[in-house]
Protein backbone atom coordinates (compact mmCIF):
# COMPACT_ATOMS: atom_id res chain seq x y z
CA MET A 1 70.84 -32.60 9.72
CA ARG A 2 70.16 -36.24 8.98
CA ASP A 3 71.76 -37.20 12.29
CA VAL A 4 69.76 -34.49 14.08
CA ALA A 5 66.55 -35.62 12.40
CA GLU A 6 67.18 -39.16 13.64
CA LEU A 7 67.61 -37.86 17.19
CA ILE A 8 64.42 -35.76 17.03
CA GLU A 9 62.19 -38.31 15.27
CA PRO A 10 63.84 -41.76 15.34
CA SER A 11 60.72 -43.38 13.89
CA MET A 12 60.91 -41.30 10.70
CA THR A 13 63.39 -40.93 7.85
CA VAL A 14 64.54 -37.99 5.74
CA VAL A 15 62.44 -37.63 2.58
CA SER A 16 64.08 -34.51 1.18
CA THR A 17 66.10 -31.45 2.10
CA SER A 18 66.49 -27.95 0.75
CA ASN A 19 69.41 -27.22 -1.56
CA PRO A 20 72.14 -26.73 -0.46
CA GLU A 21 71.51 -29.46 2.06
CA PRO A 22 71.51 -28.03 5.60
CA SER A 23 74.84 -28.66 7.32
CA LEU A 24 75.49 -28.23 11.02
CA GLN A 25 77.39 -25.23 12.36
CA THR A 26 78.47 -24.55 15.94
CA LEU A 27 74.91 -23.52 16.88
CA ASN A 28 71.80 -24.87 15.18
CA ILE A 29 68.18 -24.07 16.01
CA VAL A 30 65.65 -26.64 14.80
CA ALA A 31 61.84 -26.54 15.02
CA VAL A 32 59.24 -29.14 14.07
CA TYR A 33 56.16 -28.27 11.98
CA ARG A 34 53.22 -30.18 10.56
CA ALA A 35 51.49 -27.27 8.76
CA GLU A 36 53.14 -26.01 5.57
CA ASN A 37 52.07 -22.42 6.22
CA ASP A 38 53.65 -22.43 9.68
CA ALA A 39 56.88 -23.80 8.25
CA ARG A 40 56.76 -21.19 5.48
CA ASN A 41 56.34 -18.34 7.96
CA ALA A 42 59.19 -19.75 10.03
CA VAL A 43 61.50 -19.78 7.00
CA LEU A 44 60.55 -16.19 6.18
CA GLY A 45 61.30 -15.18 9.75
CA LEU A 46 64.73 -16.80 9.61
CA GLU A 47 65.49 -15.17 6.26
CA SER A 48 64.87 -11.79 7.89
CA ILE A 49 67.85 -12.33 10.21
CA GLU A 50 70.10 -14.49 8.03
CA ALA A 51 70.35 -13.94 4.28
CA ALA A 52 72.80 -16.74 3.36
CA ASP A 53 70.89 -19.48 1.53
CA GLY A 54 72.80 -22.28 3.20
CA SER A 55 72.08 -20.95 6.70
CA VAL A 56 68.32 -21.60 6.52
CA GLY A 57 67.25 -25.17 5.92
CA LEU A 58 64.17 -27.33 5.47
CA THR A 59 64.33 -31.06 6.14
CA VAL A 60 61.23 -33.15 5.42
CA LEU A 61 60.64 -36.38 7.33
CA GLY A 62 58.39 -39.28 6.40
CA PRO A 63 57.51 -42.66 7.95
CA GLN A 64 60.21 -45.31 7.92
CA GLY A 65 59.57 -48.45 5.94
CA GLU A 66 57.44 -46.68 3.32
CA ARG A 67 58.78 -45.91 -0.10
CA THR A 68 57.96 -42.24 0.02
CA PRO A 69 58.72 -40.52 -3.31
CA GLN A 70 61.24 -37.69 -3.24
CA ARG A 71 59.43 -34.36 -2.90
CA THR A 72 60.00 -32.16 -5.92
CA PRO A 73 58.29 -29.00 -7.20
CA ASN A 74 58.50 -30.19 -10.81
CA ASP A 75 56.14 -33.18 -10.74
CA ASP A 76 53.36 -33.37 -13.31
CA ALA A 77 50.66 -31.09 -11.91
CA THR A 78 47.98 -32.67 -14.12
CA ILE A 79 48.33 -35.91 -12.19
CA ARG A 80 48.02 -34.25 -8.79
CA GLY A 81 45.35 -31.73 -9.62
CA LEU A 82 45.31 -27.96 -9.83
CA ASP A 83 47.71 -26.15 -7.46
CA PRO A 84 48.37 -29.07 -5.07
CA GLU A 85 51.32 -27.22 -3.55
CA GLY A 86 49.09 -24.30 -2.53
CA VAL A 87 51.09 -21.60 -4.33
CA ALA A 88 48.03 -19.80 -5.69
CA ALA A 89 46.17 -20.22 -2.40
CA ASP A 90 49.04 -18.49 -0.61
CA ILE A 91 49.62 -15.69 -3.13
CA ALA A 92 46.08 -14.86 -4.29
CA PRO A 93 44.77 -13.34 -1.01
CA ARG A 94 47.87 -11.15 -0.68
CA ALA A 95 47.60 -10.03 -4.31
CA LEU A 96 43.90 -9.19 -3.88
CA LYS A 97 44.54 -7.21 -0.71
CA GLY A 98 47.39 -5.35 -2.40
CA ALA A 99 45.21 -4.59 -5.42
CA VAL A 100 42.49 -3.06 -3.23
CA ILE A 101 44.97 -0.90 -1.32
CA GLY A 102 46.73 0.12 -4.53
CA ALA A 103 43.45 0.99 -6.24
CA VAL A 104 42.39 3.29 -3.41
CA VAL A 105 45.78 5.01 -3.21
CA GLY A 106 46.04 5.32 -6.98
CA ALA A 107 42.55 6.76 -7.33
CA VAL A 108 43.19 9.35 -4.61
CA LEU A 109 46.62 10.40 -5.87
CA VAL A 110 45.93 10.49 -9.60
CA GLY A 111 42.39 11.76 -9.15
CA GLY A 112 43.65 14.49 -6.84
CA ALA A 113 46.32 15.51 -9.34
CA ALA A 114 43.75 15.59 -12.15
CA ALA A 115 41.47 17.77 -10.04
CA LEU A 116 44.28 20.28 -9.51
CA ILE A 117 45.29 20.38 -13.17
CA ALA A 118 41.90 20.32 -14.89
CA ASP A 119 38.58 21.87 -13.87
CA ASP A 120 36.15 19.69 -15.82
CA SER A 121 34.56 16.57 -14.35
CA ALA A 122 35.56 14.35 -17.27
CA ALA A 123 39.25 14.83 -16.49
CA LEU A 124 38.59 14.13 -12.83
CA ILE A 125 36.70 10.91 -13.57
CA GLY A 126 39.37 9.82 -16.04
CA GLY A 127 42.09 10.51 -13.50
CA VAL A 128 40.31 8.56 -10.79
CA LEU A 129 39.70 5.56 -13.07
CA GLY A 130 43.23 5.61 -14.44
CA GLY A 131 44.72 5.84 -10.97
CA LEU A 132 42.46 3.06 -9.76
CA LEU A 133 43.54 0.67 -12.53
CA LEU A 134 47.23 1.54 -12.30
CA GLY A 135 47.21 1.39 -8.51
CA ALA A 136 45.41 -1.95 -8.51
CA ALA A 137 48.00 -3.49 -10.83
CA ILE A 138 50.96 -2.17 -8.83
CA GLY A 139 49.31 -3.12 -5.53
CA ALA A 140 48.61 -6.67 -6.69
CA ILE A 141 52.25 -7.19 -7.65
CA TRP A 142 53.44 -5.65 -4.38
CA GLY A 143 51.06 -7.79 -2.34
CA ALA A 144 52.00 -11.01 -4.13
CA PHE A 145 55.75 -10.61 -3.77
CA LEU A 146 55.91 -8.86 -0.39
CA ARG A 147 56.30 -12.07 1.62
CA MET A 148 58.18 -14.22 -0.86
CA GLY A 149 61.33 -15.80 0.45
CA GLY A 150 64.54 -16.16 -1.49
CA SER A 151 65.86 -19.47 -0.20
CA ASP A 152 65.30 -22.98 -1.49
CA ALA A 153 63.93 -23.80 1.96
CA TYR A 154 61.08 -21.36 1.26
CA ARG A 155 60.43 -22.82 -2.20
CA GLN A 156 60.31 -26.35 -0.79
CA THR A 157 57.43 -25.41 1.52
CA PHE A 158 55.27 -25.24 -1.63
CA VAL A 159 55.98 -28.83 -2.65
CA GLU A 160 52.96 -31.13 -2.48
CA PRO A 161 52.78 -32.30 1.15
CA SER A 162 51.90 -35.62 2.68
CA THR A 163 49.80 -35.80 5.85
CA ALA A 164 52.35 -38.23 7.28
CA GLU A 165 55.26 -35.83 6.91
CA LEU A 166 56.98 -33.52 9.36
CA MET A 167 59.05 -30.48 8.42
CA LEU A 168 62.17 -29.42 10.30
CA VAL A 169 63.00 -25.75 9.79
CA SER A 170 66.52 -24.92 10.88
CA LEU A 171 69.01 -22.09 11.17
CA HIS A 172 72.75 -22.79 11.26
CA THR A 173 75.15 -20.22 12.66
CA ALA A 174 78.15 -19.65 14.92
CA ASP A 175 76.73 -16.44 16.39
CA THR A 176 74.95 -16.72 19.73
CA VAL A 177 72.84 -13.58 19.19
CA THR A 178 71.57 -14.83 15.82
CA ALA A 179 70.87 -18.25 17.31
CA GLU A 180 68.81 -16.77 20.15
CA ARG A 181 66.84 -14.59 17.75
CA ALA A 182 66.14 -17.64 15.59
CA ARG A 183 64.96 -19.59 18.64
CA GLN A 184 62.48 -16.81 19.48
CA ILE A 185 61.16 -16.70 15.89
CA LEU A 186 60.74 -20.46 15.61
CA ALA A 187 59.05 -20.74 19.01
CA ALA A 188 56.07 -18.69 17.78
CA ASN A 189 54.28 -21.38 15.76
CA ALA A 190 56.32 -24.56 16.18
CA ASP A 191 54.57 -27.78 17.17
CA ARG A 192 57.01 -28.06 20.09
CA SER A 193 59.75 -25.96 21.67
CA PRO A 194 62.66 -25.46 19.23
CA TYR A 195 65.72 -27.62 19.75
CA VAL A 196 69.16 -26.12 20.25
CA VAL A 197 71.76 -28.35 18.60
CA ARG A 198 75.42 -27.81 19.46
CA CYS A 199 78.03 -29.26 17.18
CA ASP A 200 81.65 -29.32 18.38
CA ASP A 201 84.56 -31.66 19.03
CA ASP A 202 82.38 -33.63 21.46
CA GLY A 203 79.87 -34.38 18.72
CA ILE A 204 76.20 -33.44 18.40
CA GLN A 205 74.36 -32.34 21.53
CA LEU A 206 70.58 -32.00 21.34
CA ILE A 207 69.22 -29.60 23.97
């Protein structure tokens, strides 16, 4: 991927890569992103068609000639401020939406069951409140983890970004159907049309 990155953005250098480091296969689909959320959604889309951790990669590029520190998710957060990677900003809205949905469903289901079992209003109210609280808790967890990726490429999209950086999201495969599906997914929000990179005995071909 370092050779590919040099072909795509010769004026920039590799700052960091996901682990395991992306390695070229016969077919490689590469897309360029500036927005972390777009790159994150792209990684999630690729994970939906290819589960192997080494098949989905994230390569971060920075300006040449600058001593850009290696991106890492374990830097001292007190130096950089609260939630600089945007983890909470990404998870909190999903958790809140899940909590609301869960609360409504829980209140209806448990309240409905309580109404069938007991005739008095106190049992009904208790059932509704209990279902609301239980449903909200379950819904919040469901909402928070629903769109969490499993690869290191996904985790790296939460590392504190630099405005001067570009992110290359890539999928590496030998299957033409998987490669075409990846190209369609990456084309949705990429800053430019995804590159198809062929790697064979003739070397690297950037299309």
